[in-house]
């Protein structure tokens, strides 16, 4: 892709984010996005096949930015396992009050693709680090297979968590209740709660 094409695509993505923030997803239109980006109406379709396509690009862009920020900000935490628990809470915070939240709930398969394109590799790398540090009790291969098998369950569970978030529930309450129930590392329940509440203590 040429530099000019990359710049135009990024302008459209940035414009989509701005229109979403200003209008909410139900009132987004190609006309509003191209006006914000200061490009011709037809230019939109040189880059995106639909509004959902542009919206997915916008959310992916936001997620990548947040993941990069979190990786830098969480470096002081030496425990890979605790970094994973913090990342799971960060996911709720990213979409709290987001204009894209209801759109994601209505299109869960798109969100699964976004996870795959933004945070999946990072999370798996942290799981491997946690295994090597002995922070999870199972043999390395068993833990990694369990995590990979649980990943799809976690993704679908996030949609339920997002519904609760959309209804105005406290993300802290959702976080504790959801991840206490879904033990993705087969840790003792008291250890899971310890990690969950330790994570929340950083956000007081």
N, C-alpha and C. Protein backbone atom coordinates (compact mmCIF):
# COMPACT_ATOMS: atom_id res chain seq x y z
N UNK A 1 0.85 -1.19 0.00
CA UNK A 1 0.00 0.00 0.00
C UNK A 1 0.88 1.25 0.00
N UNK A 2 0.58 2.20 -0.89
CA UNK A 2 1.38 3.42 -0.96
C UNK A 2 1.16 4.28 0.27
N UNK A 3 2.13 5.18 0.52
CA UNK A 3 2.02 6.08 1.68
C UNK A 3 0.77 6.95 1.58
N UNK A 4 0.46 7.40 0.36
CA UNK A 4 -0.74 8.24 0.18
C UNK A 4 -1.99 7.45 0.53
N UNK A 5 -2.04 6.23 0.07
CA UNK A 5 -3.22 5.38 0.36
C UNK A 5 -3.33 5.10 1.87
N UNK A 6 -2.17 4.85 2.50
CA UNK A 6 -2.17 4.62 3.95
C UNK A 6 -2.70 5.84 4.69
N UNK A 7 -2.25 7.02 4.27
CA UNK A 7 -2.69 8.26 4.93
C UNK A 7 -4.19 8.47 4.77
N UNK A 8 -4.69 8.20 3.56
CA UNK A 8 -6.13 8.39 3.33
C UNK A 8 -6.94 7.40 4.16
N UNK A 9 -6.48 6.16 4.21
CA UNK A 9 -7.18 5.17 5.02
C UNK A 9 -7.20 5.57 6.50
N UNK A 10 -6.06 6.06 6.99
CA UNK A 10 -6.00 6.47 8.39
C UNK A 10 -6.89 7.68 8.65
N UNK A 11 -6.99 8.57 7.67
CA UNK A 11 -7.89 9.72 7.82
C UNK A 11 -9.34 9.25 7.94
N UNK A 12 -9.69 8.26 7.15
CA UNK A 12 -11.06 7.72 7.21
C UNK A 12 -11.31 7.01 8.54
N UNK A 13 -10.32 6.26 9.01
CA UNK A 13 -10.47 5.58 10.30
C UNK A 13 -10.60 6.60 11.43
N UNK A 14 -9.73 7.60 11.41
CA UNK A 14 -9.79 8.65 12.44
C UNK A 14 -11.12 9.40 12.38
N UNK A 15 -11.60 9.66 11.18
CA UNK A 15 -12.89 10.34 11.02
C UNK A 15 -14.03 9.48 11.55
N UNK A 16 -13.94 8.18 11.30
CA UNK A 16 -14.97 7.26 11.81
C UNK A 16 -15.02 7.31 13.33
N UNK A 17 -13.86 7.30 13.97
CA UNK A 17 -13.79 7.37 15.43
C UNK A 17 -14.41 8.67 15.94
N UNK A 18 -14.10 9.78 15.28
CA UNK A 18 -14.64 11.08 15.71
C UNK A 18 -16.16 11.13 15.55
N UNK A 19 -16.65 10.62 14.42
CA UNK A 19 -18.10 10.64 14.19
C UNK A 19 -18.80 9.72 15.19
N UNK A 20 -18.21 8.58 15.46
CA UNK A 20 -18.78 7.67 16.46
C UNK A 20 -18.88 8.35 17.82
N UNK A 21 -17.81 9.00 18.23
CA UNK A 21 -17.80 9.68 19.53
C UNK A 21 -18.84 10.79 19.59
N UNK A 22 -19.04 11.47 18.47
CA UNK A 22 -19.95 12.61 18.43
C UNK A 22 -21.40 12.21 18.23
N UNK A 23 -21.63 11.20 17.39
CA UNK A 23 -22.99 10.89 16.96
C UNK A 23 -23.56 9.60 17.57
N UNK A 24 -22.67 8.68 17.99
CA UNK A 24 -23.14 7.35 18.36
C UNK A 24 -23.24 6.49 17.11
N UNK A 25 -23.14 5.18 17.26
CA UNK A 25 -22.97 4.34 16.07
C UNK A 25 -24.21 4.30 15.18
N UNK A 26 -25.40 4.48 15.74
CA UNK A 26 -26.61 4.37 14.92
C UNK A 26 -26.79 5.56 13.98
N UNK A 27 -26.09 6.64 14.26
CA UNK A 27 -26.21 7.83 13.41
C UNK A 27 -24.98 8.07 12.54
N UNK A 28 -24.09 7.11 12.50
CA UNK A 28 -22.92 7.22 11.62
C UNK A 28 -23.36 6.99 10.17
N UNK A 29 -22.78 7.75 9.27
CA UNK A 29 -23.07 7.56 7.84
C UNK A 29 -21.80 7.79 7.04
N UNK A 30 -21.80 7.27 5.82
CA UNK A 30 -20.65 7.48 4.93
C UNK A 30 -20.47 8.97 4.68
N UNK A 31 -21.57 9.68 4.50
CA UNK A 31 -21.50 11.12 4.24
C UNK A 31 -20.82 11.85 5.39
N UNK A 32 -21.17 11.51 6.62
CA UNK A 32 -20.56 12.18 7.78
C UNK A 32 -19.08 11.83 7.91
N UNK A 33 -18.74 10.59 7.64
CA UNK A 33 -17.33 10.18 7.75
C UNK A 33 -16.47 10.87 6.70
N UNK A 34 -16.94 10.88 5.46
CA UNK A 34 -16.14 11.49 4.40
C UNK A 34 -16.06 13.01 4.57
N UNK A 35 -17.11 13.61 5.08
CA UNK A 35 -17.05 15.04 5.37
C UNK A 35 -16.02 15.33 6.45
N UNK A 36 -16.02 14.52 7.49
CA UNK A 36 -15.04 14.70 8.58
C UNK A 36 -13.62 14.49 8.07
N UNK A 37 -13.45 13.50 7.19
CA UNK A 37 -12.12 13.18 6.65
C UNK A 37 -11.70 14.13 5.54
N UNK A 38 -12.66 14.93 5.04
CA UNK A 38 -12.42 15.87 3.93
C UNK A 38 -11.96 15.13 2.68
N UNK A 39 -12.70 14.06 2.35
CA UNK A 39 -12.46 13.33 1.10
C UNK A 39 -13.79 13.17 0.38
N UNK A 40 -13.73 12.81 -0.89
CA UNK A 40 -14.95 12.62 -1.67
C UNK A 40 -15.74 11.42 -1.15
N UNK A 41 -17.05 11.48 -1.30
CA UNK A 41 -17.93 10.41 -0.83
C UNK A 41 -17.49 9.05 -1.36
N UNK A 42 -17.21 8.98 -2.64
CA UNK A 42 -16.85 7.70 -3.26
C UNK A 42 -15.53 7.13 -2.77
N UNK A 43 -14.67 7.99 -2.22
CA UNK A 43 -13.38 7.53 -1.72
C UNK A 43 -13.55 6.49 -0.62
N UNK A 44 -14.61 6.63 0.16
CA UNK A 44 -14.86 5.69 1.26
C UNK A 44 -14.85 4.25 0.74
N UNK A 45 -15.47 4.01 -0.40
CA UNK A 45 -15.63 2.65 -0.91
C UNK A 45 -14.37 2.12 -1.60
N UNK A 46 -13.36 2.96 -1.71
CA UNK A 46 -12.06 2.46 -2.15
C UNK A 46 -11.33 1.76 -1.02
N UNK A 47 -11.81 1.95 0.21
CA UNK A 47 -11.13 1.41 1.39
C UNK A 47 -12.02 0.47 2.21
N UNK A 48 -13.31 0.72 2.22
CA UNK A 48 -14.22 -0.05 3.05
C UNK A 48 -15.44 -0.47 2.23
N UNK A 49 -15.90 -1.68 2.48
CA UNK A 49 -17.06 -2.18 1.73
C UNK A 49 -18.38 -1.77 2.36
N UNK A 50 -18.34 -1.36 3.65
CA UNK A 50 -19.57 -1.01 4.36
C UNK A 50 -19.22 -0.18 5.59
N UNK A 51 -20.26 0.34 6.24
CA UNK A 51 -20.04 1.06 7.50
C UNK A 51 -19.50 0.12 8.58
N UNK A 52 -19.99 -1.12 8.59
CA UNK A 52 -19.47 -2.09 9.56
C UNK A 52 -17.97 -2.32 9.36
N UNK A 53 -17.54 -2.35 8.12
CA UNK A 53 -16.12 -2.53 7.80
C UNK A 53 -15.30 -1.37 8.37
N UNK A 54 -15.79 -0.15 8.19
CA UNK A 54 -15.09 1.03 8.72
C UNK A 54 -15.12 1.03 10.25
N UNK A 55 -16.26 0.62 10.80
CA UNK A 55 -16.39 0.59 12.26
C UNK A 55 -15.41 -0.43 12.84
N UNK A 56 -15.29 -1.58 12.20
CA UNK A 56 -14.35 -2.60 12.66
C UNK A 56 -12.92 -2.07 12.62
N UNK A 57 -12.57 -1.36 11.56
CA UNK A 57 -11.24 -0.77 11.46
C UNK A 57 -11.00 0.25 12.57
N UNK A 58 -12.04 1.02 12.90
CA UNK A 58 -11.92 2.02 13.95
C UNK A 58 -11.70 1.38 15.32
N UNK A 59 -12.48 0.34 15.61
CA UNK A 59 -12.34 -0.34 16.91
C UNK A 59 -11.00 -1.08 16.98
N UNK A 60 -10.58 -1.68 15.88
CA UNK A 60 -9.27 -2.35 15.84
C UNK A 60 -8.16 -1.34 16.10
N UNK A 61 -8.26 -0.18 15.49
CA UNK A 61 -7.27 0.88 15.69
C UNK A 61 -7.22 1.29 17.16
N UNK A 62 -8.38 1.47 17.76
CA UNK A 62 -8.45 1.85 19.17
C UNK A 62 -7.85 0.76 20.06
N UNK A 63 -8.21 -0.49 19.79
CA UNK A 63 -7.70 -1.60 20.59
C UNK A 63 -6.18 -1.71 20.50
N UNK A 64 -5.64 -1.59 19.30
CA UNK A 64 -4.18 -1.66 19.13
C UNK A 64 -3.50 -0.56 19.92
N UNK A 65 -4.05 0.63 19.87
CA UNK A 65 -3.48 1.75 20.61
C UNK A 65 -3.51 1.49 22.12
N UNK A 66 -4.66 0.99 22.61
CA UNK A 66 -4.80 0.72 24.04
C UNK A 66 -3.89 -0.42 24.49
N UNK A 67 -3.76 -1.45 23.66
CA UNK A 67 -2.88 -2.57 23.99
C UNK A 67 -1.43 -2.08 24.07
N UNK A 68 -1.01 -1.28 23.12
CA UNK A 68 0.36 -0.75 23.13
C UNK A 68 0.60 0.11 24.37
N UNK A 69 -0.36 0.96 24.72
CA UNK A 69 -0.24 1.79 25.92
C UNK A 69 -0.15 0.93 27.16
N UNK A 70 -1.03 -0.08 27.25
CA UNK A 70 -1.04 -0.94 28.42
C UNK A 70 0.26 -1.72 28.57
N UNK A 71 0.83 -2.19 27.47
CA UNK A 71 2.09 -2.93 27.53
C UNK A 71 3.20 -2.07 28.13
N UNK A 72 3.22 -0.80 27.77
CA UNK A 72 4.22 0.12 28.32
C UNK A 72 3.92 0.41 29.79
N UNK A 73 2.66 0.72 30.10
CA UNK A 73 2.29 1.13 31.46
C UNK A 73 2.37 0.00 32.47
N UNK A 74 2.27 -1.24 32.01
CA UNK A 74 2.25 -2.38 32.94
C UNK A 74 3.61 -3.03 33.12
N UNK A 75 4.64 -2.47 32.50
CA UNK A 75 5.97 -3.09 32.57
C UNK A 75 6.51 -3.19 34.00
N UNK A 76 6.08 -2.29 34.87
CA UNK A 76 6.57 -2.31 36.25
C UNK A 76 6.09 -3.55 37.01
N UNK A 77 5.00 -4.14 36.53
CA UNK A 77 4.50 -5.36 37.18
C UNK A 77 5.31 -6.55 36.70
N UNK A 78 6.03 -7.20 37.62
CA UNK A 78 6.92 -8.29 37.25
C UNK A 78 6.18 -9.59 36.93
N UNK A 79 5.00 -9.78 37.48
CA UNK A 79 4.27 -11.03 37.30
C UNK A 79 3.48 -11.05 36.00
N UNK A 80 3.82 -11.95 35.06
CA UNK A 80 3.02 -12.05 33.83
C UNK A 80 1.56 -12.40 34.12
N UNK A 81 1.32 -13.23 35.13
CA UNK A 81 -0.05 -13.62 35.44
C UNK A 81 -0.87 -12.42 35.90
N UNK A 82 -0.28 -11.58 36.73
CA UNK A 82 -1.00 -10.39 37.18
C UNK A 82 -1.21 -9.40 36.03
N UNK A 83 -0.29 -9.37 35.09
CA UNK A 83 -0.48 -8.52 33.92
C UNK A 83 -1.67 -9.01 33.09
N UNK A 84 -1.85 -10.33 33.02
CA UNK A 84 -3.01 -10.89 32.31
C UNK A 84 -4.30 -10.46 33.00
N UNK A 85 -4.34 -10.59 34.32
CA UNK A 85 -5.55 -10.20 35.06
C UNK A 85 -5.84 -8.71 34.87
N UNK A 86 -4.80 -7.89 34.82
CA UNK A 86 -5.01 -6.46 34.59
C UNK A 86 -5.51 -6.21 33.17
N UNK A 87 -4.98 -6.94 32.21
CA UNK A 87 -5.42 -6.77 30.81
C UNK A 87 -6.91 -7.10 30.68
N UNK A 88 -7.37 -8.11 31.38
CA UNK A 88 -8.78 -8.48 31.32
C UNK A 88 -9.67 -7.38 31.88
N UNK A 89 -9.20 -6.71 32.92
CA UNK A 89 -9.97 -5.58 33.46
C UNK A 89 -9.91 -4.38 32.51
N UNK A 90 -8.75 -4.16 31.92
CA UNK A 90 -8.60 -3.06 30.97
C UNK A 90 -9.58 -3.18 29.81
N UNK A 91 -9.85 -4.41 29.40
CA UNK A 91 -10.79 -4.61 28.29
C UNK A 91 -12.15 -4.04 28.61
N UNK A 92 -12.61 -4.23 29.84
CA UNK A 92 -13.90 -3.65 30.24
C UNK A 92 -13.82 -2.13 30.27
N UNK A 93 -12.70 -1.60 30.76
CA UNK A 93 -12.57 -0.14 30.86
C UNK A 93 -12.52 0.51 29.48
N UNK A 94 -11.91 -0.17 28.51
CA UNK A 94 -11.83 0.39 27.16
C UNK A 94 -13.22 0.67 26.59
N UNK A 95 -14.16 -0.24 26.88
CA UNK A 95 -15.48 -0.12 26.27
C UNK A 95 -16.54 0.46 27.20
N UNK A 96 -16.15 0.79 28.43
CA UNK A 96 -17.10 1.47 29.31
C UNK A 96 -17.44 2.83 28.70
N UNK A 97 -18.70 3.11 28.52
CA UNK A 97 -19.18 4.36 27.92
C UNK A 97 -18.74 4.54 26.47
N UNK A 98 -18.34 3.47 25.82
CA UNK A 98 -17.92 3.56 24.42
C UNK A 98 -19.12 3.62 23.49
N UNK A 99 -19.08 4.48 22.47
CA UNK A 99 -20.18 4.52 21.50
C UNK A 99 -20.26 3.24 20.67
N UNK A 100 -19.21 2.42 20.73
CA UNK A 100 -19.18 1.17 19.96
C UNK A 100 -19.70 -0.03 20.74
N UNK A 101 -20.01 0.14 22.02
CA UNK A 101 -20.34 -1.00 22.87
C UNK A 101 -21.55 -1.79 22.35
N UNK A 102 -22.65 -1.12 22.07
CA UNK A 102 -23.85 -1.82 21.60
C UNK A 102 -23.63 -2.43 20.22
N UNK A 103 -22.85 -1.77 19.40
CA UNK A 103 -22.51 -2.30 18.07
C UNK A 103 -21.76 -3.62 18.22
N UNK A 104 -20.82 -3.69 19.15
CA UNK A 104 -20.05 -4.91 19.41
C UNK A 104 -20.97 -6.03 19.89
N UNK A 105 -21.87 -5.69 20.81
CA UNK A 105 -22.79 -6.69 21.37
C UNK A 105 -23.65 -7.31 20.25
N UNK A 106 -24.03 -6.49 19.29
CA UNK A 106 -24.87 -6.98 18.19
C UNK A 106 -24.07 -7.75 17.14
N UNK A 107 -22.74 -7.64 17.16
CA UNK A 107 -21.90 -8.28 16.15
C UNK A 107 -20.72 -8.99 16.80
N UNK A 108 -20.98 -10.00 17.61
CA UNK A 108 -19.89 -10.64 18.38
C UNK A 108 -18.79 -11.25 17.52
N UNK A 109 -19.12 -11.75 16.34
CA UNK A 109 -18.09 -12.38 15.51
C UNK A 109 -17.06 -11.36 15.03
N UNK A 110 -17.51 -10.13 14.82
CA UNK A 110 -16.56 -9.08 14.44
C UNK A 110 -15.60 -8.82 15.59
N UNK A 111 -16.13 -8.80 16.82
CA UNK A 111 -15.27 -8.57 17.97
C UNK A 111 -14.25 -9.69 18.12
N UNK A 112 -14.64 -10.92 17.78
CA UNK A 112 -13.69 -12.02 17.85
C UNK A 112 -12.52 -11.78 16.89
N UNK A 113 -12.80 -11.25 15.71
CA UNK A 113 -11.73 -10.93 14.76
C UNK A 113 -10.83 -9.83 15.31
N UNK A 114 -11.45 -8.85 15.95
CA UNK A 114 -10.67 -7.74 16.51
C UNK A 114 -9.72 -8.26 17.59
N UNK A 115 -10.21 -9.14 18.45
CA UNK A 115 -9.32 -9.75 19.45
C UNK A 115 -8.13 -10.42 18.77
N UNK A 116 -8.45 -11.20 17.73
CA UNK A 116 -7.39 -11.93 17.04
C UNK A 116 -6.35 -11.03 16.42
N UNK A 117 -6.77 -9.85 16.00
CA UNK A 117 -5.86 -8.91 15.33
C UNK A 117 -5.15 -7.96 16.29
N UNK A 118 -5.51 -7.98 17.56
CA UNK A 118 -4.95 -6.98 18.48
C UNK A 118 -4.29 -7.57 19.72
N UNK A 119 -5.00 -8.41 20.45
CA UNK A 119 -4.50 -8.82 21.77
C UNK A 119 -4.20 -10.30 21.94
N UNK A 120 -4.60 -11.11 20.99
CA UNK A 120 -4.48 -12.56 21.15
C UNK A 120 -3.02 -13.00 21.34
N UNK A 121 -2.13 -12.52 20.50
CA UNK A 121 -0.72 -12.92 20.58
C UNK A 121 -0.09 -12.41 21.87
N UNK A 122 -0.42 -11.19 22.26
CA UNK A 122 0.13 -10.61 23.48
C UNK A 122 -0.27 -11.45 24.69
N UNK A 123 -1.54 -11.82 24.76
CA UNK A 123 -2.04 -12.60 25.89
C UNK A 123 -1.37 -13.97 25.93
N UNK A 124 -1.21 -14.60 24.79
CA UNK A 124 -0.59 -15.93 24.78
C UNK A 124 0.87 -15.84 25.20
N UNK A 125 1.57 -14.81 24.78
CA UNK A 125 2.97 -14.62 25.20
C UNK A 125 3.06 -14.48 26.73
N UNK A 126 2.10 -13.75 27.32
CA UNK A 126 2.10 -13.59 28.77
C UNK A 126 1.78 -14.90 29.47
N UNK A 127 0.88 -15.69 28.89
CA UNK A 127 0.58 -17.01 29.46
C UNK A 127 1.83 -17.87 29.48
N UNK A 128 2.58 -17.88 28.38
CA UNK A 128 3.82 -18.67 28.30
C UNK A 128 4.83 -18.18 29.35
N UNK A 129 4.94 -16.86 29.51
CA UNK A 129 5.84 -16.32 30.53
C UNK A 129 5.41 -16.75 31.93
N UNK A 130 4.09 -16.71 32.19
CA UNK A 130 3.58 -17.12 33.51
C UNK A 130 3.86 -18.59 33.77
N UNK A 131 3.73 -19.42 32.76
CA UNK A 131 4.03 -20.85 32.90
C UNK A 131 5.50 -21.04 33.26
N UNK A 132 6.38 -20.36 32.55
CA UNK A 132 7.82 -20.51 32.77
C UNK A 132 8.25 -20.01 34.15
N UNK A 133 7.51 -19.05 34.69
CA UNK A 133 7.81 -18.55 36.03
C UNK A 133 7.17 -19.41 37.13
N UNK A 134 6.40 -20.41 36.74
CA UNK A 134 5.77 -21.28 37.71
C UNK A 134 4.58 -20.65 38.41
N UNK A 135 3.92 -19.68 37.76
CA UNK A 135 2.79 -18.98 38.38
C UNK A 135 1.47 -19.74 38.24
N UNK A 136 1.46 -20.74 37.39
CA UNK A 136 0.29 -21.62 37.27
C UNK A 136 0.74 -23.04 37.54
N UNK A 137 -0.10 -23.82 38.20
CA UNK A 137 0.38 -25.10 38.74
C UNK A 137 0.48 -26.25 37.75
N UNK A 138 -0.22 -26.20 36.61
CA UNK A 138 -0.26 -27.34 35.70
C UNK A 138 1.02 -27.42 34.86
N UNK A 139 1.29 -28.59 34.27
CA UNK A 139 2.40 -28.70 33.32
C UNK A 139 2.23 -27.70 32.17
N UNK A 140 3.33 -27.28 31.59
CA UNK A 140 3.33 -26.23 30.57
C UNK A 140 2.35 -26.50 29.44
N UNK A 141 2.43 -27.70 28.84
CA UNK A 141 1.58 -28.00 27.69
C UNK A 141 0.12 -28.03 28.09
N UNK A 142 -0.19 -28.62 29.26
CA UNK A 142 -1.58 -28.69 29.71
C UNK A 142 -2.18 -27.31 29.89
N UNK A 143 -1.42 -26.41 30.49
CA UNK A 143 -1.91 -25.05 30.75
C UNK A 143 -2.14 -24.31 29.44
N UNK A 144 -1.20 -24.42 28.52
CA UNK A 144 -1.32 -23.71 27.25
C UNK A 144 -2.50 -24.23 26.44
N UNK A 145 -2.69 -25.54 26.42
CA UNK A 145 -3.83 -26.11 25.70
C UNK A 145 -5.13 -25.68 26.36
N UNK A 146 -5.17 -25.70 27.69
CA UNK A 146 -6.38 -25.27 28.41
C UNK A 146 -6.70 -23.82 28.09
N UNK A 147 -5.67 -22.96 28.08
CA UNK A 147 -5.90 -21.54 27.79
C UNK A 147 -6.43 -21.36 26.37
N UNK A 148 -5.85 -22.06 25.42
CA UNK A 148 -6.30 -21.93 24.03
C UNK A 148 -7.72 -22.44 23.86
N UNK A 149 -8.05 -23.53 24.54
CA UNK A 149 -9.41 -24.06 24.46
C UNK A 149 -10.42 -23.13 25.13
N UNK A 150 -9.98 -22.47 26.20
CA UNK A 150 -10.88 -21.58 26.94
C UNK A 150 -11.07 -20.24 26.24
N UNK A 151 -10.18 -19.90 25.31
CA UNK A 151 -10.20 -18.58 24.71
C UNK A 151 -11.53 -18.26 24.02
N UNK A 152 -12.08 -19.24 23.31
CA UNK A 152 -13.35 -19.01 22.62
C UNK A 152 -14.49 -18.80 23.62
N UNK A 153 -14.46 -19.57 24.71
CA UNK A 153 -15.46 -19.40 25.77
C UNK A 153 -15.35 -18.01 26.39
N UNK A 154 -14.12 -17.57 26.60
CA UNK A 154 -13.89 -16.24 27.17
C UNK A 154 -14.45 -15.16 26.25
N UNK A 155 -14.20 -15.30 24.95
CA UNK A 155 -14.68 -14.29 24.00
C UNK A 155 -16.20 -14.18 24.02
N UNK A 156 -16.88 -15.32 24.01
CA UNK A 156 -18.34 -15.27 24.04
C UNK A 156 -18.81 -14.74 25.39
N UNK A 157 -18.10 -15.10 26.45
CA UNK A 157 -18.46 -14.58 27.76
C UNK A 157 -18.32 -13.09 27.86
N UNK A 158 -17.35 -12.52 27.13
CA UNK A 158 -17.17 -11.07 27.14
C UNK A 158 -18.41 -10.35 26.61
N UNK A 159 -19.10 -10.98 25.66
CA UNK A 159 -20.31 -10.34 25.14
C UNK A 159 -21.34 -10.21 26.25
N UNK A 160 -21.47 -11.24 27.08
CA UNK A 160 -22.37 -11.14 28.24
C UNK A 160 -21.91 -10.07 29.20
N UNK A 161 -20.61 -9.98 29.42
CA UNK A 161 -20.07 -8.93 30.30
C UNK A 161 -20.33 -7.55 29.70
N UNK A 162 -20.20 -7.44 28.38
CA UNK A 162 -20.46 -6.16 27.71
C UNK A 162 -21.93 -5.76 27.82
N UNK A 163 -22.83 -6.76 27.78
CA UNK A 163 -24.26 -6.44 27.95
C UNK A 163 -24.50 -5.83 29.33
N UNK A 164 -23.88 -6.41 30.32
CA UNK A 164 -24.01 -5.86 31.67
C UNK A 164 -23.42 -4.46 31.74
N UNK A 165 -22.29 -4.27 31.06
CA UNK A 165 -21.67 -2.95 31.03
C UNK A 165 -22.59 -1.94 30.35
N UNK A 166 -23.24 -2.37 29.26
CA UNK A 166 -24.16 -1.50 28.53
C UNK A 166 -25.36 -1.12 29.39
N UNK A 167 -25.73 -1.99 30.32
CA UNK A 167 -26.85 -1.71 31.22
C UNK A 167 -26.46 -0.85 32.41
N UNK A 168 -25.22 -0.41 32.43
CA UNK A 168 -24.79 0.52 33.47
C UNK A 168 -24.19 -0.10 34.71
N UNK A 169 -23.91 -1.41 34.67
CA UNK A 169 -23.31 -2.04 35.84
C UNK A 169 -21.85 -1.61 36.00
N UNK A 170 -21.39 -1.63 37.23
CA UNK A 170 -20.02 -1.26 37.56
C UNK A 170 -19.05 -2.28 36.95
N UNK A 171 -18.06 -1.83 36.17
CA UNK A 171 -17.12 -2.78 35.57
C UNK A 171 -16.35 -3.59 36.62
N UNK A 172 -16.15 -3.03 37.81
CA UNK A 172 -15.45 -3.77 38.86
C UNK A 172 -16.26 -4.98 39.31
N UNK A 173 -17.54 -4.78 39.47
CA UNK A 173 -18.43 -5.87 39.87
C UNK A 173 -18.48 -6.95 38.79
N UNK A 174 -18.61 -6.52 37.54
CA UNK A 174 -18.65 -7.46 36.41
C UNK A 174 -17.35 -8.26 36.37
N UNK A 175 -16.24 -7.59 36.52
CA UNK A 175 -14.91 -8.21 36.46
C UNK A 175 -14.76 -9.31 37.50
N UNK A 176 -15.08 -9.00 38.74
CA UNK A 176 -14.92 -9.98 39.82
C UNK A 176 -15.87 -11.16 39.62
N UNK A 177 -17.12 -10.89 39.32
CA UNK A 177 -18.09 -11.97 39.18
C UNK A 177 -17.79 -12.86 37.97
N UNK A 178 -17.42 -12.24 36.86
CA UNK A 178 -17.19 -13.01 35.64
C UNK A 178 -15.94 -13.88 35.76
N UNK A 179 -14.83 -13.28 36.17
CA UNK A 179 -13.58 -14.04 36.19
C UNK A 179 -13.44 -14.94 37.41
N UNK A 180 -14.25 -14.71 38.44
CA UNK A 180 -14.29 -15.68 39.54
C UNK A 180 -14.96 -16.97 39.07
N UNK A 181 -15.94 -16.81 38.19
CA UNK A 181 -16.67 -17.98 37.67
C UNK A 181 -15.87 -18.69 36.58
N UNK A 182 -15.27 -17.90 35.70
CA UNK A 182 -14.52 -18.46 34.58
C UNK A 182 -13.03 -18.50 34.95
N UNK A 183 -12.60 -19.62 35.46
CA UNK A 183 -11.22 -19.77 35.92
C UNK A 183 -10.39 -20.30 34.76
N UNK A 184 -9.79 -19.41 33.99
CA UNK A 184 -9.12 -19.83 32.75
C UNK A 184 -7.76 -20.46 32.98
N UNK A 185 -7.26 -20.45 34.22
CA UNK A 185 -5.95 -21.05 34.50
C UNK A 185 -6.03 -22.20 35.50
N UNK A 186 -7.24 -22.61 35.86
CA UNK A 186 -7.41 -23.69 36.84
C UNK A 186 -6.68 -23.41 38.15
N UNK A 187 -6.69 -22.16 38.56
CA UNK A 187 -6.08 -21.78 39.83
C UNK A 187 -7.06 -22.05 40.97
N UNK A 188 -6.56 -22.22 42.20
CA UNK A 188 -7.48 -22.31 43.35
C UNK A 188 -8.36 -21.07 43.41
N UNK A 189 -9.65 -21.21 43.71
CA UNK A 189 -10.57 -20.06 43.72
C UNK A 189 -10.08 -18.89 44.57
N UNK A 190 -9.47 -19.20 45.72
CA UNK A 190 -8.99 -18.11 46.59
C UNK A 190 -7.84 -17.34 45.93
N UNK A 191 -7.03 -18.05 45.12
CA UNK A 191 -5.94 -17.37 44.41
C UNK A 191 -6.49 -16.48 43.29
N UNK A 192 -7.53 -16.94 42.62
CA UNK A 192 -8.18 -16.12 41.58
C UNK A 192 -8.71 -14.84 42.21
N UNK A 193 -9.44 -14.95 43.31
CA UNK A 193 -9.99 -13.76 43.97
C UNK A 193 -8.89 -12.83 44.43
N UNK A 194 -7.80 -13.40 44.92
CA UNK A 194 -6.66 -12.57 45.34
C UNK A 194 -6.13 -11.75 44.18
N UNK A 195 -5.98 -12.37 43.01
CA UNK A 195 -5.48 -11.65 41.83
C UNK A 195 -6.48 -10.60 41.35
N UNK A 196 -7.76 -10.95 41.39
CA UNK A 196 -8.79 -10.01 40.94
C UNK A 196 -8.81 -8.77 41.81
N UNK A 197 -8.81 -8.95 43.11
CA UNK A 197 -8.88 -7.80 44.02
C UNK A 197 -7.57 -7.02 44.04
N UNK A 198 -6.46 -7.70 43.82
CA UNK A 198 -5.20 -6.97 43.71
C UNK A 198 -5.23 -6.04 42.50
N UNK A 199 -5.76 -6.57 41.39
CA UNK A 199 -5.88 -5.72 40.18
C UNK A 199 -6.75 -4.50 40.46
N UNK A 200 -7.89 -4.71 41.09
CA UNK A 200 -8.80 -3.59 41.37
C UNK A 200 -8.19 -2.58 42.31
N UNK A 201 -7.31 -3.03 43.21
CA UNK A 201 -6.69 -2.10 44.17
C UNK A 201 -5.83 -1.05 43.47
N UNK A 202 -5.41 -1.35 42.25
CA UNK A 202 -4.61 -0.38 41.48
C UNK A 202 -5.45 0.75 40.90
N UNK A 203 -6.77 0.57 40.92
CA UNK A 203 -7.67 1.53 40.27
C UNK A 203 -8.54 2.27 41.27
N UNK A 204 -8.16 2.24 42.52
CA UNK A 204 -8.92 2.94 43.56
C UNK A 204 -8.64 4.44 43.46
